Amino acid sequence: MSGQPRDITPYDVGDDYLVVAAGQEERFDDLTRLAANFCGTPIAAISLADEDRFFVKSLVGTELTETAYEDSFWAHAVKDPDLLIVPDALSDTRFATHPFVTSTPFVRFFAGAPLVAPSGHVVGTLCVADQVVRDLNDSQKQILKILARQVIAQLELRSQSIHDPLTGLLNRRFLFEMLERELSRMARKQQPLGLIMLDLDHFKLVNDKFGHEAGDVVLKTIAQILRRNTRREDFACRFGGEEFILVLPETPLATTLERAEEVLQAIREIDLKYNGQSLERITASAGTACYLQHETSPLELLRRADEALYGAKAAGRDQMMIGQPK
């Protein structure tokens, strides 16, 4: 069943899909329920992997949101090129003392199929589990692998729907969905959230002088800068045209301002050539805002950042201003 283990790196396990991990979606719940029904198990789950933990995208039969990566059932499943089958976890030295076995949900049987992205990277598992010793027949094993491929197909569709096709950043539609969720999460944790809205200065001149292909090169370069200046928990979005947004969970205003200045400086240092010609010096203006505990509306936070951005442009561009609450 096991074959040769895969070499798993942090990039291998979910980097492209982690943004999809948050939030429940019926398309994934349907596949989880199908896996449980076909395999005759009370428990089934779709998990996506980060560097040190698994996020549960869909789950039936028990309650769990995430678990540590090391020594988990899922960590072993992503390393197996076919299926990981554990008929009796209590008699398996890898899992006999695992909390999932010795306490709720008292797993005895486990089967996991790796989720293999088109790139060849393993991004998680589709698994089923039971509280009694058992196995899967050949038909059930085949179905589990087929459903794992369908999970990947849905992840690909979801990922494409939330990313901007030119820059690869998150798109405007997903920004509102994500921002509302993050504001609610920050309210529960009583943590701040910083937001930076960027707009390239005189970007139309680049398109007019060098053409839209050169403009696309600039936009892709800005996207690369934003990626380099984001932590794993941050969100970089293309808001529209030459406008971008960085969402910084658990980030106070002072740190948000530092991050904004770092991005503006990185943009100032861009030295691009297109068809042998040096492009115009590129700068950006920024408006910043920080989530306040009495705010629950993404639109209010975006409004404050937008007003600050407008003020930065009116004051001469290539600078940053802070959006103040009313």
Protein backbone atom coordinates (compact mmCIF):
# COMPACT_ATOMS: atom_id res chain seq x y z
CA MET A 1 0.00 0.00 0.00
CA SER A 2 2.69 2.48 0.88
CA GLY A 3 5.36 2.45 -1.88
CA GLN A 4 8.12 5.04 -1.62
CA PRO A 5 7.35 8.04 0.60
CA ARG A 6 7.11 11.45 -1.01
CA ASP A 7 9.54 14.23 -0.19
CA ILE A 8 7.32 16.86 1.41
CA THR A 9 8.43 20.49 1.66
CA PRO A 10 6.44 23.48 2.99
CA TYR A 11 5.73 24.51 -0.61
CA ASP A 12 4.51 21.05 -1.45
CA VAL A 13 1.79 20.99 1.15
CA GLY A 14 -0.82 23.56 0.38
CA ASP A 15 0.84 26.90 -0.41
CA ASP A 16 -1.36 27.40 -3.48
CA TYR A 17 -4.60 26.42 -1.74
CA LEU A 18 -4.31 27.65 1.84
CA VAL A 19 -6.44 30.71 1.14
CA VAL A 20 -9.21 28.29 0.12
CA ALA A 21 -8.95 26.46 3.44
CA ALA A 22 -10.95 28.99 5.44
CA GLY A 23 -14.71 28.70 5.48
CA GLN A 24 -17.10 25.87 4.82
CA GLU A 25 -18.24 25.22 1.25
CA GLU A 26 -20.94 22.83 0.12
CA ARG A 27 -18.95 21.65 -2.91
CA PHE A 28 -16.34 20.16 -0.57
CA ASP A 29 -18.86 18.93 2.00
CA ASP A 30 -20.61 16.94 -0.74
CA LEU A 31 -17.38 15.12 -1.58
CA THR A 32 -16.69 14.40 2.09
CA ARG A 33 -20.16 12.95 2.57
CA LEU A 34 -19.75 10.83 -0.56
CA ALA A 35 -16.45 9.45 0.77
CA ALA A 36 -18.09 8.52 4.08
CA ASN A 37 -21.10 6.93 2.37
CA PHE A 38 -19.14 4.89 -0.17
CA CYS A 39 -16.62 3.69 2.41
CA GLY A 40 -19.23 3.08 5.09
CA THR A 41 -17.43 5.14 7.74
CA PRO A 42 -18.87 7.58 10.28
CA ILE A 43 -15.96 10.02 9.82
CA ALA A 44 -14.53 11.65 6.69
CA ALA A 45 -12.46 14.78 6.16
CA ILE A 46 -10.68 16.95 3.62
CA SER A 47 -7.53 18.49 5.07
CA LEU A 48 -5.12 21.02 3.58
CA ALA A 49 -1.58 21.31 4.89
CA ASP A 50 0.51 24.26 6.02
CA GLU A 51 4.14 24.13 7.17
CA ASP A 52 3.28 22.87 10.64
CA ARG A 53 -0.42 22.08 10.77
CA PHE A 54 -3.40 20.78 8.82
CA PHE A 55 -6.50 22.85 8.20
CA VAL A 56 -9.78 20.94 7.97
CA LYS A 57 -11.68 22.16 4.92
CA SER A 58 -14.59 19.75 5.33
CA LEU A 59 -15.50 17.24 8.00
CA VAL A 60 -18.32 14.84 8.89
CA GLY A 61 -18.66 12.71 12.00
CA THR A 62 -16.58 14.68 14.53
CA GLU A 63 -15.39 18.19 15.38
CA LEU A 64 -11.95 19.47 14.47
CA THR A 65 -10.60 22.63 12.81
CA GLU A 66 -6.84 22.09 12.66
CA THR A 67 -4.19 19.81 14.07
CA ALA A 68 -0.41 19.77 14.41
CA TYR A 69 1.43 18.41 11.39
CA GLU A 70 3.96 16.22 13.14
CA ASP A 71 2.99 12.56 13.74
CA SER A 72 -0.62 13.01 12.64
CA PHE A 73 -2.49 10.51 10.48
CA TRP A 74 -2.60 13.13 7.74
CA ALA A 75 1.15 13.73 7.85
CA HIS A 76 1.70 10.06 7.04
CA ALA A 77 -1.05 10.04 4.41
CA VAL A 78 0.46 12.89 2.35
CA LYS A 79 3.73 10.94 2.11
CA ASP A 80 2.10 7.84 0.64
CA PRO A 81 1.93 7.75 -3.19
CA ASP A 82 -1.21 5.62 -3.19
CA LEU A 83 -3.40 5.14 -0.11
CA LEU A 84 -2.49 4.98 3.55
CA ILE A 85 -4.53 2.19 5.14
CA VAL A 86 -4.44 1.67 8.91
CA PRO A 87 -6.76 -1.25 9.79
CA ASP A 88 -6.14 -1.01 13.54
CA ALA A 89 -4.49 2.13 14.91
CA LEU A 90 -4.11 0.61 18.38
CA SER A 91 -1.81 -2.10 17.02
CA ASP A 92 0.17 0.34 14.84
CA THR A 93 3.20 1.77 16.67
CA ARG A 94 2.91 5.03 14.68
CA PHE A 95 -0.54 5.82 16.06
CA ALA A 96 -1.24 3.71 19.16
CA THR A 97 -0.68 6.62 21.55
CA HIS A 98 -2.04 9.37 19.29
CA PRO A 99 -4.72 11.56 20.95
CA PHE A 100 -7.18 10.80 18.13
CA VAL A 101 -6.86 7.12 19.06
CA THR A 102 -6.77 7.29 22.85
CA SER A 103 -9.50 9.93 23.14
CA THR A 104 -12.22 11.55 21.02
CA PRO A 105 -12.88 10.62 18.23
CA PHE A 106 -11.32 7.21 19.23
CA VAL A 107 -10.07 6.31 15.76
CA ARG A 108 -9.28 2.63 15.15
CA PHE A 109 -9.44 2.53 11.35
CA PHE A 110 -8.04 5.18 8.99
CA ALA A 111 -7.66 5.45 5.20
CA GLY A 112 -6.25 8.52 3.49
CA ALA A 113 -5.74 9.44 -0.17
CA PRO A 114 -3.20 12.21 -0.96
CA LEU A 115 -4.49 15.31 -2.76
CA VAL A 116 -2.04 15.79 -5.63
CA ALA A 117 -2.15 19.16 -7.40
CA PRO A 118 -1.46 19.47 -11.16
CA SER A 119 2.03 20.69 -10.24
CA GLY A 120 2.69 17.34 -8.59
CA HIS A 121 2.72 18.84 -5.10
CA VAL A 122 0.75 17.10 -2.37
CA VAL A 123 -1.54 19.65 -0.73
CA GLY A 124 -3.48 17.54 1.75
CA THR A 125 -5.62 14.43 2.08
CA LEU A 126 -9.10 13.04 1.67
CA CYS A 127 -9.55 10.53 4.47
CA VAL A 128 -12.13 8.32 6.12
CA ALA A 129 -12.05 6.87 9.63
CA ASP A 130 -13.99 4.50 11.86
CA GLN A 131 -14.08 3.54 15.51
CA VAL A 132 -13.80 -0.18 14.82
CA VAL A 133 -11.10 -2.35 13.24
CA ARG A 134 -11.80 -2.81 9.53
CA ASP A 135 -10.51 -2.36 5.96
CA LEU A 136 -11.69 -1.09 2.56
CA ASN A 137 -12.51 -3.34 -0.38
CA ASP A 138 -10.98 -2.69 -3.79
CA SER A 139 -14.01 -0.75 -5.01
CA GLN A 140 -13.96 1.56 -1.98
CA LYS A 141 -10.25 2.19 -2.39
CA GLN A 142 -10.76 3.13 -6.02
CA ILE A 143 -13.64 5.46 -5.15
CA LEU A 144 -11.58 7.19 -2.46
CA LYS A 145 -8.85 7.93 -5.02
CA ILE A 146 -11.41 9.16 -7.58
CA LEU A 147 -12.97 11.49 -5.00
CA ALA A 148 -9.51 12.79 -4.07
CA ARG A 149 -9.03 13.82 -7.71
CA GLN A 150 -12.40 15.57 -7.61
CA VAL A 151 -11.32 17.49 -4.51
CA ILE A 152 -8.30 18.77 -6.45
CA ALA A 153 -10.54 19.73 -9.37
CA GLN A 154 -12.72 21.78 -7.02
CA LEU A 155 -9.68 23.36 -5.38
CA GLU A 156 -8.40 24.40 -8.81
CA LEU A 157 -11.75 25.92 -9.79
CA ARG A 158 -12.02 27.74 -6.46
CA SER A 159 -8.45 29.01 -6.68
CA GLN A 160 -8.97 30.31 -10.21
CA SER A 161 -12.18 32.09 -9.22
CA ILE A 162 -10.50 34.09 -6.44
CA HIS A 163 -7.26 35.10 -8.16
CA ASP A 164 -6.55 37.89 -10.63
CA PRO A 165 -5.42 36.23 -13.88
CA LEU A 166 -2.70 38.82 -14.68
CA THR A 167 -0.95 39.22 -11.33
CA GLY A 168 -1.95 36.05 -9.53
CA LEU A 169 -3.00 38.11 -6.51
CA LEU A 170 -6.40 37.68 -4.88
CA ASN A 171 -9.16 39.49 -6.74
CA ARG A 172 -11.64 42.17 -5.69
CA ARG A 173 -14.57 39.78 -5.30
CA PHE A 174 -12.71 37.56 -2.88
CA LEU A 175 -11.38 40.58 -0.98
CA PHE A 176 -14.84 41.42 0.36
CA GLU A 177 -15.53 37.81 1.30
CA MET A 178 -12.18 37.44 3.05
CA LEU A 179 -12.22 40.86 4.74
CA GLU A 180 -15.60 40.27 6.34
CA ARG A 181 -14.39 36.94 7.71
CA GLU A 182 -11.12 38.42 9.00
CA LEU A 183 -12.84 41.35 10.72
CA SER A 184 -15.12 38.92 12.55
CA ARG A 185 -12.12 36.82 13.54
CA MET A 186 -10.22 39.87 14.81
CA ALA A 187 -13.28 40.93 16.83
CA ARG A 188 -13.41 37.52 18.52
CA LYS A 189 -9.68 37.60 19.25
CA GLN A 190 -9.74 41.31 20.18
CA GLN A 191 -6.86 41.93 17.79
CA PRO A 192 -6.24 44.82 15.36
CA LEU A 193 -6.21 44.52 11.59
CA GLY A 194 -4.27 46.82 9.28
CA LEU A 195 -5.20 47.67 5.70
CA ILE A 196 -3.05 49.36 3.05
CA MET A 197 -4.56 50.64 -0.19
CA LEU A 198 -2.03 51.42 -2.94
CA ASP A 199 -2.47 53.19 -6.26
CA LEU A 200 0.33 53.60 -8.81
CA ASP A 201 1.08 57.23 -9.63
CA HIS A 202 0.63 58.36 -13.26
CA PHE A 203 0.34 54.75 -14.43
CA LYS A 204 -1.55 55.87 -17.54
CA LEU A 205 1.68 57.48 -18.79
CA VAL A 206 3.37 54.08 -18.89
CA ASN A 207 0.58 52.61 -20.98
CA ASP A 208 0.45 55.64 -23.26
CA LYS A 209 4.21 55.81 -23.86
CA PHE A 210 5.22 52.14 -23.88
CA GLY A 211 1.97 50.25 -24.49
CA HIS A 212 -0.25 48.02 -22.40
CA GLU A 213 2.17 45.08 -22.47
CA ALA A 214 4.70 47.25 -20.65
CA GLY A 215 1.97 48.25 -18.23
CA ASP A 216 1.28 44.57 -17.57
CA VAL A 217 4.97 44.05 -16.77
CA VAL A 218 4.76 46.85 -14.20
CA LEU A 219 1.64 45.38 -12.60
CA LYS A 220 3.25 41.93 -12.35
CA THR A 221 6.33 43.51 -10.79
CA ILE A 222 4.18 45.28 -8.18
CA ALA A 223 2.52 41.95 -7.41
CA GLN A 224 5.94 40.40 -6.80
CA ILE A 225 6.84 43.23 -4.42
CA LEU A 226 3.61 42.73 -2.48
CA ARG A 227 4.24 39.00 -2.18
CA ARG A 228 7.73 39.65 -0.83
CA ASN A 229 6.28 42.03 1.75
CA THR A 230 3.53 39.76 3.06
CA ARG A 231 3.57 37.22 5.82
CA ARG A 232 1.81 33.92 5.37
CA GLU A 233 -1.24 35.22 7.23
CA ASP A 234 -1.52 38.42 5.12
CA PHE A 235 -3.60 38.89 1.98
CA ALA A 236 -2.44 40.76 -1.13
CA CYS A 237 -5.19 41.73 -3.58
CA ARG A 238 -5.51 43.51 -6.89
CA PHE A 239 -8.44 45.81 -6.23
CA GLY A 240 -8.76 47.00 -9.80
CA GLY A 241 -6.65 48.57 -12.56
CA GLU A 242 -3.46 49.80 -10.90
CA GLU A 243 -4.90 49.68 -7.38
CA PHE A 244 -3.82 47.09 -4.79
CA ILE A 245 -4.72 46.24 -1.21
CA LEU A 246 -2.79 44.54 1.58
CA VAL A 247 -4.79 43.10 4.49
CA LEU A 248 -2.69 42.55 7.62
CA PRO A 249 -4.41 40.52 10.36
CA GLU A 250 -3.26 41.06 13.95
CA THR A 251 -1.31 44.17 12.93
CA PRO A 252 -1.57 47.48 14.84
CA LEU A 253 -1.54 50.84 13.10
CA ALA A 254 2.12 51.60 13.84
CA THR A 255 3.25 48.36 12.20
CA THR A 256 0.83 48.90 9.32
CA LEU A 257 2.48 52.27 8.64
CA GLU A 258 5.92 50.68 8.69
CA ARG A 259 4.81 48.01 6.24
CA ALA A 260 3.26 50.63 3.94
CA GLU A 261 6.49 52.65 3.85
CA GLU A 262 8.52 49.51 3.12
CA VAL A 263 6.28 48.75 0.14
CA LEU A 264 6.41 52.34 -1.15
CA GLN A 265 10.20 52.30 -0.92
CA ALA A 266 10.42 48.99 -2.75
CA ILE A 267 8.28 50.45 -5.54
CA ARG A 268 10.51 53.53 -5.75
CA GLU A 269 13.50 51.25 -6.29
CA ILE A 270 11.99 49.49 -9.30
CA ASP A 271 14.25 49.75 -12.35
CA LEU A 272 12.45 48.17 -15.29
CA LYS A 273 13.29 48.00 -18.96
CA TYR A 274 10.88 47.08 -21.72
CA ASN A 275 12.11 46.32 -25.24
CA GLY A 276 15.45 47.89 -24.29
CA GLN A 277 13.92 51.10 -23.00
CA SER A 278 13.93 52.19 -19.37
CA LEU A 279 10.39 52.73 -18.09
CA GLU A 280 9.34 55.85 -16.28
CA ARG A 281 10.19 56.03 -12.58
CA ILE A 282 7.41 54.23 -10.76
CA THR A 283 5.93 55.46 -7.49
CA ALA A 284 2.74 54.82 -5.58
CA SER A 285 0.49 56.56 -3.10
CA ALA A 286 -0.99 54.78 -0.11
CA GLY A 287 -3.91 55.12 2.25
CA THR A 288 -3.86 53.13 5.48
CA ALA A 289 -6.53 52.23 8.00
CA CYS A 290 -6.72 50.08 11.10
CA TYR A 291 -9.68 48.05 12.28
CA LEU A 292 -11.37 49.47 15.36
CA GLN A 293 -13.32 47.27 17.73
CA HIS A 294 -16.63 49.02 17.10
CA GLU A 295 -16.36 48.50 13.32
CA THR A 296 -17.69 45.39 11.68
CA SER A 297 -18.07 46.63 8.10
CA PRO A 298 -15.41 45.98 5.44
CA LEU A 299 -16.85 48.92 3.51
CA GLU A 300 -16.13 51.31 6.38
CA LEU A 301 -12.51 50.18 6.61
CA LEU A 302 -12.07 50.44 2.84
CA ARG A 303 -13.72 53.88 2.84
CA ARG A 304 -11.22 55.22 5.36
CA ALA A 305 -8.26 53.79 3.44
CA ASP A 306 -9.63 55.19 0.17
CA GLU A 307 -10.10 58.68 1.64
CA ALA A 308 -6.52 58.56 2.94
CA LEU A 309 -5.28 57.45 -0.48
CA TYR A 310 -7.12 60.33 -2.14
CA GLY A 311 -5.50 62.69 0.34
CA ALA A 312 -2.02 61.32 -0.41
CA LYS A 313 -2.55 61.87 -4.11
CA ALA A 314 -3.92 65.38 -3.58
CA ALA A 315 -0.87 66.22 -1.44
CA GLY A 316 1.56 65.41 -4.24
CA ARG A 317 1.63 61.57 -4.53
CA ASP A 318 4.44 59.16 -3.62
CA GLN A 319 3.44 59.28 0.01
CA MET A 320 1.17 57.74 2.60
CA MET A 321 -1.70 59.04 4.73
CA ILE A 322 -3.80 57.56 7.53
CA GLY A 323 -7.57 57.16 7.24
CA GLN A 324 -9.32 58.53 10.30
CA PRO A 325 -12.63 57.21 11.64
CA LYS A 326 -15.60 59.56 11.63
